[in-house]
Amino acid sequence: MTSTPSSSVSAERHSRQAWSVLIASTLAFTVCFMVWMMFAVVGIPIKQMLDLNATEFGLLTAMPVLSGSLIRVPLGIWTDKFGGRIVMAVLLAVTVPAIWSISYATQYWQFLAIGLLLGLAGGSFSVGTPYVARWFPKERQGMAMGIFGAGNSGAAVNKFAAPVILVAFGWKAVPHVYAAIMLGALILFWLMSYSDPRHLVPSNVRFVDQLKTLKDPRVLKYCQYYSIVFGGYVALALWMVQYYVGEYGLDIRIAALLAACFSLPGGVLRAIGGVLSDKYGAHSVTWWVMWVSWICLFLLSYPQTDFTIQTVDGPTTFHLGLNVYAFTAIMAVLGVAWAFGKASVFKYISDDYPDNIGTISGVVGLAGGLGGFVLPIMFGALLDWTGVRSSAFMLMYGVVWVSLIWMYFTEVRRIDPLADHARPSH
């Protein structure tokens, strides 16, 4: 057994390049997610300007999520075929003019059309996930994908940055600043990233063929999980600022700051979820995530209620409902749970489909993104229909029930509860 100096130098160089790729990709993804969530804040003055109802506002915020979701599968395939560096760079470059053009839109359909172009930034996840994973050994891929996925915290960065720019210079300044930031991210990514021809996967498979993976019940199940932990995260990140403004009458800056208490842990702590998934397994982490989500959403679902009971001293009225502090605390717990869940779902994928990460992550990411597209529209429709703001959480509570039942029958019942570190058999 001999170890030549050249091989150790090569390994050290590869490790250095791997971490550089991870850092550059995470920074680029953070900016992409910040842009992807832009309408969560900018959409509020646009809603007032165009006099939109809740359903129309939900559609406006969801348009970038739609295109960002639909592009994920082809981006995953192209990443396998051409390499993550070139695909990510092209993606970043294409979004710059789309961001800039928002300030020139004046009609609802124009904002919707630009939103579709803006959404391409959201597809960056399906590029970066297989790109960074292949730079690391299998036992550290959960950690690498978790760190990269922490770029979801761009949703929180947006809630810090956009209201400040909006209040100081008007909402039209936000797209100009964001376009400049995206251009800077493109330059930095290109300077810090690398390509490795060994990571390319020969691919003559068509988009339609990739969707056939949905016939695999495990893929379908992971899509369901991800539609909650990612789709729900995106939907609530888009919905929360206007929820705080409407429910608690807060100023947009305070509302955005409190909404970031959900978005920030929901992004940053994804890396910890990756480490936990490496250590304890994807199933264990996801099972606990679903139960914590169930409890949080049950509490969040209860609307502000006043009820009167007759006592011996006459009628007495009680108020039941979450104040802004309790609401924010529960949302923060939910954000942490979903951060772990986003990482654990992708650990399932790297464990079960090691040779097909790009494609499967694209399909699962598509499902998660479509959840993020459909849910805000349903939130708005439910609000217009019922007049109850917490109906958004009632809907999410029902979706989590579906996942818990599915998970119990397909995974939990196959595990010996007395065995140490019990894992599901696939």
Protein backbone atom coordinates (compact mmCIF):
# COMPACT_ATOMS: atom_id res chain seq x y z
CA MET A 1 0.00 0.00 0.00
CA THR A 2 1.72 3.16 -1.19
CA SER A 3 0.57 6.73 -1.07
CA THR A 4 2.41 8.96 -3.48
CA PRO A 5 2.84 12.68 -2.76
CA SER A 6 1.08 13.49 -6.03
CA SER A 7 -2.04 11.53 -5.03
CA SER A 8 -2.27 13.28 -1.66
CA VAL A 9 -1.82 16.67 -3.34
CA SER A 10 -4.52 15.73 -5.86
CA ALA A 11 -6.89 14.70 -3.05
CA GLU A 12 -6.23 17.95 -1.19
CA ARG A 13 -6.86 19.98 -4.33
CA HIS A 14 -10.11 18.08 -4.97
CA SER A 15 -11.25 18.73 -1.39
CA ARG A 16 -10.46 22.44 -1.72
CA GLN A 17 -12.34 22.63 -5.02
CA ALA A 18 -15.29 20.75 -3.52
CA TRP A 19 -15.69 23.27 -0.70
CA SER A 20 -15.25 26.19 -3.09
CA VAL A 21 -17.98 24.74 -5.31
CA LEU A 22 -20.25 24.27 -2.28
CA ILE A 23 -19.72 27.83 -1.01
CA ALA A 24 -20.16 29.41 -4.47
CA SER A 25 -23.28 27.35 -5.22
CA THR A 26 -24.84 28.11 -1.83
CA LEU A 27 -24.28 31.86 -2.26
CA ALA A 28 -25.75 31.76 -5.78
CA PHE A 29 -28.76 29.74 -4.58
CA THR A 30 -29.35 32.17 -1.70
CA VAL A 31 -29.57 35.08 -4.16
CA CYS A 32 -31.80 33.03 -6.48
CA PHE A 33 -34.18 32.22 -3.65
CA MET A 34 -34.21 35.86 -2.55
CA VAL A 35 -35.28 36.86 -6.06
CA TRP A 36 -37.74 33.97 -6.32
CA MET A 37 -39.56 35.21 -3.19
CA MET A 38 -39.51 38.89 -4.20
CA PHE A 39 -43.27 39.21 -4.69
CA ALA A 40 -43.83 38.26 -1.03
CA VAL A 41 -42.91 41.88 -0.18
CA VAL A 42 -43.05 43.80 -3.47
CA GLY A 43 -46.42 42.20 -4.22
CA ILE A 44 -48.09 44.10 -1.37
CA PRO A 45 -47.77 47.61 -2.91
CA ILE A 46 -48.54 46.04 -6.32
CA LYS A 47 -51.72 44.53 -4.81
CA GLN A 48 -52.75 47.99 -3.56
CA MET A 49 -51.84 49.64 -6.86
CA LEU A 50 -53.85 47.15 -8.95
CA ASP A 51 -56.59 46.61 -6.32
CA LEU A 52 -56.20 42.81 -6.33
CA ASN A 53 -58.28 40.41 -4.24
CA ALA A 54 -56.70 37.63 -2.15
CA THR A 55 -56.91 35.01 -4.93
CA GLU A 56 -55.31 37.35 -7.51
CA PHE A 57 -52.57 38.21 -5.02
CA GLY A 58 -51.99 34.49 -4.41
CA LEU A 59 -51.64 33.91 -8.16
CA LEU A 60 -49.21 36.82 -8.50
CA THR A 61 -46.91 35.51 -5.77
CA ALA A 62 -47.18 31.95 -7.11
CA MET A 63 -46.27 32.61 -10.77
CA PRO A 64 -42.49 32.52 -10.22
CA VAL A 65 -42.95 29.28 -8.27
CA LEU A 66 -44.80 27.69 -11.23
CA SER A 67 -42.05 28.22 -13.81
CA GLY A 68 -39.33 27.52 -11.25
CA SER A 69 -41.00 24.17 -10.59
CA LEU A 70 -41.68 23.16 -14.20
CA ILE A 71 -38.08 23.87 -15.24
CA ARG A 72 -36.61 21.72 -12.47
CA VAL A 73 -36.77 18.34 -14.22
CA PRO A 74 -35.09 19.49 -17.47
CA LEU A 75 -32.51 21.41 -15.42
CA GLY A 76 -31.73 18.24 -13.46
CA ILE A 77 -31.26 16.33 -16.73
CA TRP A 78 -29.07 19.08 -18.24
CA THR A 79 -26.96 19.18 -15.08
CA ASP A 80 -26.29 15.44 -15.41
CA LYS A 81 -25.42 15.93 -19.07
CA PHE A 82 -23.55 19.26 -19.28
CA GLY A 83 -22.36 19.85 -15.70
CA GLY A 84 -23.64 22.11 -12.95
CA ARG A 85 -21.21 24.98 -13.52
CA ILE A 86 -22.33 25.93 -17.02
CA VAL A 87 -26.04 25.31 -16.38
CA MET A 88 -26.05 27.40 -13.19
CA ALA A 89 -24.15 30.27 -14.84
CA VAL A 90 -26.56 30.41 -17.80
CA LEU A 91 -29.54 30.33 -15.42
CA LEU A 92 -28.20 33.24 -13.36
CA ALA A 93 -27.48 35.28 -16.49
CA VAL A 94 -30.97 34.79 -17.95
CA THR A 95 -32.74 36.05 -14.81
CA VAL A 96 -30.94 39.43 -14.62
CA PRO A 97 -32.97 41.24 -17.36
CA ALA A 98 -36.21 39.65 -16.08
CA ILE A 99 -35.63 41.08 -12.59
CA TRP A 100 -34.80 44.54 -13.96
CA SER A 101 -37.96 44.67 -16.10
CA ILE A 102 -40.37 44.35 -13.13
CA SER A 103 -40.14 48.08 -12.39
CA TYR A 104 -41.52 48.88 -15.87
CA ALA A 105 -44.65 46.72 -15.61
CA THR A 106 -47.98 48.52 -15.10
CA GLN A 107 -50.68 45.87 -15.71
CA TYR A 108 -51.56 42.65 -13.94
CA TRP A 109 -50.83 40.39 -16.94
CA GLN A 110 -47.39 41.99 -17.31
CA PHE A 111 -46.49 41.16 -13.71
CA LEU A 112 -47.70 37.58 -14.25
CA ALA A 113 -45.61 37.19 -17.44
CA ILE A 114 -42.47 38.62 -15.82
CA GLY A 115 -43.14 36.41 -12.80
CA LEU A 116 -42.85 33.36 -15.05
CA LEU A 117 -39.40 34.50 -16.25
CA LEU A 118 -38.38 35.42 -12.72
CA GLY A 119 -39.26 31.92 -11.63
CA LEU A 120 -36.32 30.43 -13.53
CA ALA A 121 -34.20 31.43 -10.52
CA GLY A 122 -36.11 28.87 -8.46
CA GLY A 123 -34.93 26.10 -10.77
CA SER A 124 -31.38 26.63 -9.53
CA PHE A 125 -32.03 24.10 -6.77
CA SER A 126 -32.17 21.20 -9.24
CA VAL A 127 -28.85 22.33 -10.68
CA GLY A 128 -26.97 22.83 -7.43
CA THR A 129 -28.16 19.69 -5.62
CA PRO A 130 -26.56 17.10 -7.95
CA TYR A 131 -23.67 19.48 -8.72
CA VAL A 132 -22.50 19.77 -5.10
CA ALA A 133 -23.44 16.18 -4.13
CA ARG A 134 -21.06 14.67 -6.68
CA TRP A 135 -18.10 16.58 -5.25
CA PHE A 136 -18.46 14.77 -1.91
CA PRO A 137 -18.30 11.10 -0.81
CA LYS A 138 -21.63 9.33 -0.18
CA GLU A 139 -21.39 9.54 3.62
CA ARG A 140 -21.13 13.35 3.42
CA GLN A 141 -23.64 14.04 0.68
CA GLY A 142 -26.45 14.71 3.15
CA MET A 143 -24.29 17.39 4.77
CA ALA A 144 -23.31 18.92 1.40
CA MET A 145 -26.87 19.02 0.09
CA GLY A 146 -28.04 20.39 3.44
CA ILE A 147 -25.54 23.26 3.37
CA PHE A 148 -26.46 24.06 -0.23
CA GLY A 149 -30.16 23.87 0.59
CA ALA A 150 -29.62 26.41 3.37
CA GLY A 151 -29.75 28.91 0.51
CA ASN A 152 -33.52 28.73 1.16
CA SER A 153 -32.71 31.41 3.74
CA GLY A 154 -32.73 33.81 0.79
CA ALA A 155 -36.47 34.01 1.56
CA ALA A 156 -35.55 35.59 4.91
CA VAL A 157 -32.89 37.82 3.34
CA ASN A 158 -35.60 39.11 1.01
CA LYS A 159 -37.78 39.98 4.02
CA PHE A 160 -34.93 41.95 5.59
CA ALA A 161 -33.76 43.74 2.44
CA ALA A 162 -36.87 44.41 0.34
CA PRO A 163 -38.91 46.36 2.97
CA VAL A 164 -35.93 48.63 3.72
CA ILE A 165 -35.41 49.42 0.01
CA LEU A 166 -39.17 49.74 -0.51
CA VAL A 167 -39.71 52.23 2.31
CA ALA A 168 -36.58 54.27 1.49
CA PHE A 169 -36.79 54.45 -2.31
CA GLY A 170 -40.16 53.00 -3.39
CA TRP A 171 -40.97 49.48 -4.57
CA LYS A 172 -39.57 50.04 -8.08
CA ALA A 173 -36.06 50.34 -6.64
CA VAL A 174 -36.18 46.74 -5.36
CA PRO A 175 -35.91 45.06 -8.82
CA HIS A 176 -32.98 47.32 -9.76
CA VAL A 177 -31.04 46.45 -6.60
CA TYR A 178 -31.87 42.74 -6.94
CA ALA A 179 -30.75 42.67 -10.59
CA ALA A 180 -27.38 44.13 -9.57
CA ILE A 181 -27.05 41.56 -6.76
CA MET A 182 -27.83 38.71 -9.18
CA LEU A 183 -25.19 39.96 -11.62
CA GLY A 184 -22.64 40.05 -8.79
CA ALA A 185 -23.63 36.51 -7.78
CA LEU A 186 -23.08 35.31 -11.37
CA ILE A 187 -19.55 36.75 -11.48
CA LEU A 188 -18.65 35.37 -8.05
CA PHE A 189 -20.03 31.92 -8.90
CA TRP A 190 -18.05 31.69 -12.13
CA LEU A 191 -14.81 32.68 -10.40
CA MET A 192 -15.22 30.23 -7.50
CA SER A 193 -16.71 27.14 -9.19
CA TYR A 194 -15.09 24.23 -11.05
CA SER A 195 -16.01 21.50 -13.51
CA ASP A 196 -15.13 17.81 -13.25
CA PRO A 197 -15.79 15.74 -16.41
CA ARG A 198 -16.10 12.61 -14.27
CA HIS A 199 -19.34 14.00 -12.83
CA LEU A 200 -21.10 14.07 -16.19
CA VAL A 201 -23.70 11.38 -16.77
CA PRO A 202 -24.38 10.26 -20.36
CA SER A 203 -28.01 11.09 -20.94
CA ASN A 204 -30.11 10.53 -24.04
CA VAL A 205 -33.27 10.21 -21.95
CA ARG A 206 -36.15 12.53 -22.75
CA PHE A 207 -38.16 14.68 -20.36
CA VAL A 208 -41.22 12.41 -20.77
CA ASP A 209 -39.12 9.36 -19.89
CA GLN A 210 -37.95 11.03 -16.68
CA LEU A 211 -41.53 11.62 -15.57
CA LYS A 212 -42.05 7.84 -15.80
CA THR A 213 -40.11 7.64 -12.52
CA LEU A 214 -43.37 8.78 -10.91
CA LYS A 215 -44.58 5.19 -11.40
CA ASP A 216 -42.15 4.27 -8.62
CA PRO A 217 -44.28 4.53 -5.43
CA ARG A 218 -41.25 5.68 -3.42
CA VAL A 219 -40.72 8.66 -5.74
CA LEU A 220 -44.40 9.52 -5.47
CA LYS A 221 -44.19 9.36 -1.68
CA TYR A 222 -41.08 11.58 -1.56
CA CYS A 223 -42.94 14.05 -3.80
CA GLN A 224 -45.75 14.16 -1.22
CA TYR A 225 -43.31 14.74 1.65
CA TYR A 226 -41.51 17.48 -0.25
CA SER A 227 -44.74 19.21 -1.24
CA ILE A 228 -45.15 19.87 2.51
CA VAL A 229 -41.66 20.65 3.77
CA PHE A 230 -40.66 22.68 0.69
CA GLY A 231 -43.95 23.54 -1.02
CA GLY A 232 -45.50 24.55 2.30
CA TYR A 233 -42.37 26.53 3.20
CA VAL A 234 -42.44 28.46 -0.09
CA ALA A 235 -46.20 29.07 0.14
CA LEU A 236 -46.08 30.38 3.71
CA ALA A 237 -42.92 32.42 3.01
CA LEU A 238 -44.91 34.15 0.25
CA TRP A 239 -48.08 34.46 2.34
CA MET A 240 -46.82 35.48 5.79
CA VAL A 241 -46.05 39.19 5.29
CA GLN A 242 -49.56 40.04 4.11
CA TYR A 243 -50.96 37.65 6.78
CA TYR A 244 -49.29 39.67 9.54
CA VAL A 245 -50.45 42.94 7.96
CA GLY A 246 -54.05 41.72 7.68
CA GLU A 247 -54.39 39.65 10.87
CA TYR A 248 -52.44 41.82 13.31
CA GLY A 249 -52.45 45.22 11.56
CA LEU A 250 -48.65 45.51 11.52
CA ASP A 251 -46.48 47.84 9.45
CA ILE A 252 -44.94 46.09 6.42
CA ARG A 253 -41.39 46.32 7.88
CA ILE A 254 -42.40 44.74 11.21
CA ALA A 255 -44.52 42.16 9.36
CA ALA A 256 -41.57 41.19 7.15
CA LEU A 257 -39.24 40.99 10.16
CA LEU A 258 -41.59 38.64 12.03
CA ALA A 259 -42.20 36.58 8.87
CA ALA A 260 -38.42 36.10 8.65
CA CYS A 261 -38.60 34.26 12.00
CA PHE A 262 -40.18 31.45 9.97
CA SER A 263 -38.16 31.83 6.75
CA LEU A 264 -34.70 32.12 8.32
CA PRO A 265 -34.59 28.90 10.37
CA GLY A 266 -36.49 27.22 7.54
CA GLY A 267 -33.44 27.84 5.36
CA VAL A 268 -30.33 28.07 7.51
CA LEU A 269 -30.97 24.96 9.62
CA ARG A 270 -31.34 22.73 6.58
CA ALA A 271 -27.63 21.95 6.88
CA ILE A 272 -28.21 20.52 10.38
CA GLY A 273 -31.04 18.44 8.94
CA GLY A 274 -28.55 17.01 6.44
CA VAL A 275 -26.12 16.04 9.20
CA LEU A 276 -28.91 14.47 11.30
CA SER A 277 -30.12 12.53 8.25
CA ASP A 278 -26.60 11.20 7.64
CA LYS A 279 -26.41 10.08 11.27
CA TYR A 280 -29.91 8.77 12.09
CA GLY A 281 -31.34 8.05 8.65
CA ALA A 282 -33.83 9.85 6.44
CA HIS A 283 -36.84 8.00 7.82
CA SER A 284 -36.31 8.86 11.51
CA VAL A 285 -35.83 12.57 10.83
CA THR A 286 -38.80 12.79 8.44
CA TRP A 287 -41.12 10.94 10.85
CA TRP A 288 -40.43 13.42 13.65
CA VAL A 289 -40.71 16.36 11.24
CA MET A 290 -44.22 15.29 10.23
CA TRP A 291 -45.40 14.96 13.83
CA VAL A 292 -44.01 18.37 14.85
CA SER A 293 -45.66 19.87 11.75
CA TRP A 294 -48.98 18.25 12.69
CA ILE A 295 -48.91 19.77 16.20
CA CYS A 296 -47.86 23.26 15.00
CA LEU A 297 -50.45 23.40 12.22
CA PHE A 298 -53.19 22.21 14.59
CA LEU A 299 -52.46 25.18 16.89
CA LEU A 300 -52.10 27.64 13.98
CA SER A 301 -55.40 26.53 12.43
CA TYR A 302 -57.56 27.82 15.28
CA PRO A 303 -59.12 31.15 14.24
CA GLN A 304 -59.49 34.15 16.52
CA THR A 305 -62.66 33.25 18.46
CA ASP A 306 -64.90 35.04 20.96
CA PHE A 307 -67.51 32.94 22.74
CA THR A 308 -70.00 33.79 25.45
CA ILE A 309 -71.22 31.43 28.18
CA GLN A 310 -73.98 31.97 30.70
CA THR A 311 -72.74 31.95 34.30
CA VAL A 312 -74.53 32.50 37.62
CA ASP A 313 -73.38 36.11 37.43
CA GLY A 314 -74.59 36.59 33.86
CA PRO A 315 -72.99 36.18 30.42
CA THR A 316 -69.17 35.99 30.33
CA THR A 317 -67.19 36.33 27.11
CA PHE A 318 -63.91 34.54 26.49
CA HIS A 319 -61.38 35.12 23.73
CA LEU A 320 -59.45 32.22 22.21
CA GLY A 321 -56.70 32.74 19.66
CA LEU A 322 -52.99 33.17 19.19
CA ASN A 323 -51.48 36.59 19.85
CA VAL A 324 -48.69 37.77 17.59
CA TYR A 325 -45.93 36.48 19.90
CA ALA A 326 -47.33 32.95 20.26
CA PHE A 327 -48.09 32.83 16.54
CA THR A 328 -44.52 33.84 15.64
CA ALA A 329 -43.01 31.33 18.07
CA ILE A 330 -45.03 28.43 16.63
CA MET A 331 -44.16 29.53 13.08
CA ALA A 332 -40.46 29.50 14.03
CA VAL A 333 -40.77 25.91 15.34
CA LEU A 334 -42.52 24.93 12.11
CA GLY A 335 -39.71 26.55 10.11
CA VAL A 336 -37.08 24.51 11.98
CA ALA A 337 -39.02 21.27 11.43
CA TRP A 338 -39.37 21.91 7.71
CA ALA A 339 -35.68 22.81 7.42
CA PHE A 340 -34.80 19.35 8.75
CA GLY A 341 -37.46 17.76 6.54
CA LYS A 342 -36.17 19.33 3.34
CA ALA A 343 -32.76 17.80 3.99
CA SER A 344 -34.08 14.38 5.07
CA VAL A 345 -36.21 13.95 1.93
CA PHE A 346 -33.14 14.47 -0.24
CA LYS A 347 -31.20 12.02 1.90
CA TYR A 348 -33.84 9.43 0.93
CA ILE A 349 -33.07 10.25 -2.73
CA SER A 350 -29.27 10.02 -2.44
CA ASP A 351 -29.67 6.69 -0.58
CA ASP A 352 -32.18 5.11 -2.96
CA TYR A 353 -31.07 6.59 -6.31
CA PRO A 354 -27.30 7.23 -6.12
CA ASP A 355 -26.85 7.05 -9.91
CA ASN A 356 -29.85 9.19 -10.73
CA ILE A 357 -29.77 12.05 -8.21
CA GLY A 358 -30.20 14.78 -10.82
CA THR A 359 -33.33 13.30 -12.37
CA ILE A 360 -35.08 12.16 -9.18
CA SER A 361 -34.26 15.39 -7.33
CA GLY A 362 -35.67 17.27 -10.32
CA VAL A 363 -38.94 15.32 -10.18
CA VAL A 364 -39.28 15.63 -6.40
CA GLY A 365 -38.27 19.30 -6.58
CA LEU A 366 -40.94 19.79 -9.26
CA ALA A 367 -43.57 18.34 -6.89
CA GLY A 368 -42.39 20.56 -4.04
CA GLY A 369 -42.39 23.62 -6.26
CA LEU A 370 -45.86 22.87 -7.60
CA GLY A 371 -47.00 22.66 -3.99
CA GLY A 372 -45.54 26.13 -3.52
CA PHE A 373 -47.46 27.29 -6.61
CA VAL A 374 -50.85 25.76 -5.83
CA LEU A 375 -50.97 26.48 -2.09
CA PRO A 376 -50.84 30.34 -2.18
CA ILE A 377 -53.67 30.36 -4.74
CA MET A 378 -55.69 27.99 -2.52
CA PHE A 379 -54.86 30.17 0.51
CA GLY A 380 -56.29 33.17 -1.31
CA ALA A 381 -59.35 31.30 -2.56
CA LEU A 382 -60.10 29.95 0.94
CA LEU A 383 -59.71 33.44 2.42
CA ASP A 384 -62.05 34.95 -0.19
CA TRP A 385 -64.54 32.09 0.37
CA THR A 386 -64.50 31.77 4.18
CA GLY A 387 -63.14 35.12 5.35
CA VAL A 388 -61.01 33.16 7.85
CA ARG A 389 -57.28 33.82 7.51
CA SER A 390 -56.22 30.72 9.45
CA SER A 391 -57.93 28.56 6.78
CA ALA A 392 -54.47 28.46 5.14
CA PHE A 393 -53.17 26.47 8.11
CA MET A 394 -56.26 24.25 8.15
CA LEU A 395 -55.44 23.24 4.58
CA MET A 396 -51.80 22.49 5.45
CA TYR A 397 -52.92 20.48 8.48
CA GLY A 398 -54.95 18.20 6.21
CA VAL A 399 -52.01 17.71 3.83
CA VAL A 400 -49.74 16.70 6.73
CA TRP A 401 -52.35 14.13 7.83
CA VAL A 402 -52.09 12.48 4.38
CA SER A 403 -48.29 12.21 4.68
CA LEU A 404 -48.40 10.79 8.21
CA ILE A 405 -50.88 8.09 7.21
CA TRP A 406 -48.92 7.24 4.04
CA MET A 407 -45.65 7.12 5.95
CA TYR A 408 -47.11 4.94 8.69
CA PHE A 409 -48.41 2.26 6.32
CA THR A 410 -45.38 2.20 3.98
CA GLU A 411 -42.50 2.66 6.42
CA VAL A 412 -43.34 2.59 10.13
CA ARG A 413 -45.26 -0.71 10.10
CA ARG A 414 -42.24 -2.38 8.49
CA ILE A 415 -39.97 -1.44 11.40
CA ASP A 416 -39.35 -3.42 14.55
CA PRO A 417 -39.95 -0.76 17.24
CA LEU A 418 -37.64 -2.60 19.68
CA ALA A 419 -34.69 -2.71 17.29
CA ASP A 420 -31.87 -0.19 17.74
CA HIS A 421 -31.68 2.43 15.01
CA ALA A 422 -34.58 0.81 13.24
CA ARG A 423 -34.66 1.65 9.57
CA PRO A 424 -37.37 1.07 6.97
CA SER A 425 -36.77 -1.72 4.49
CA HIS A 426 -37.08 -0.49 0.94
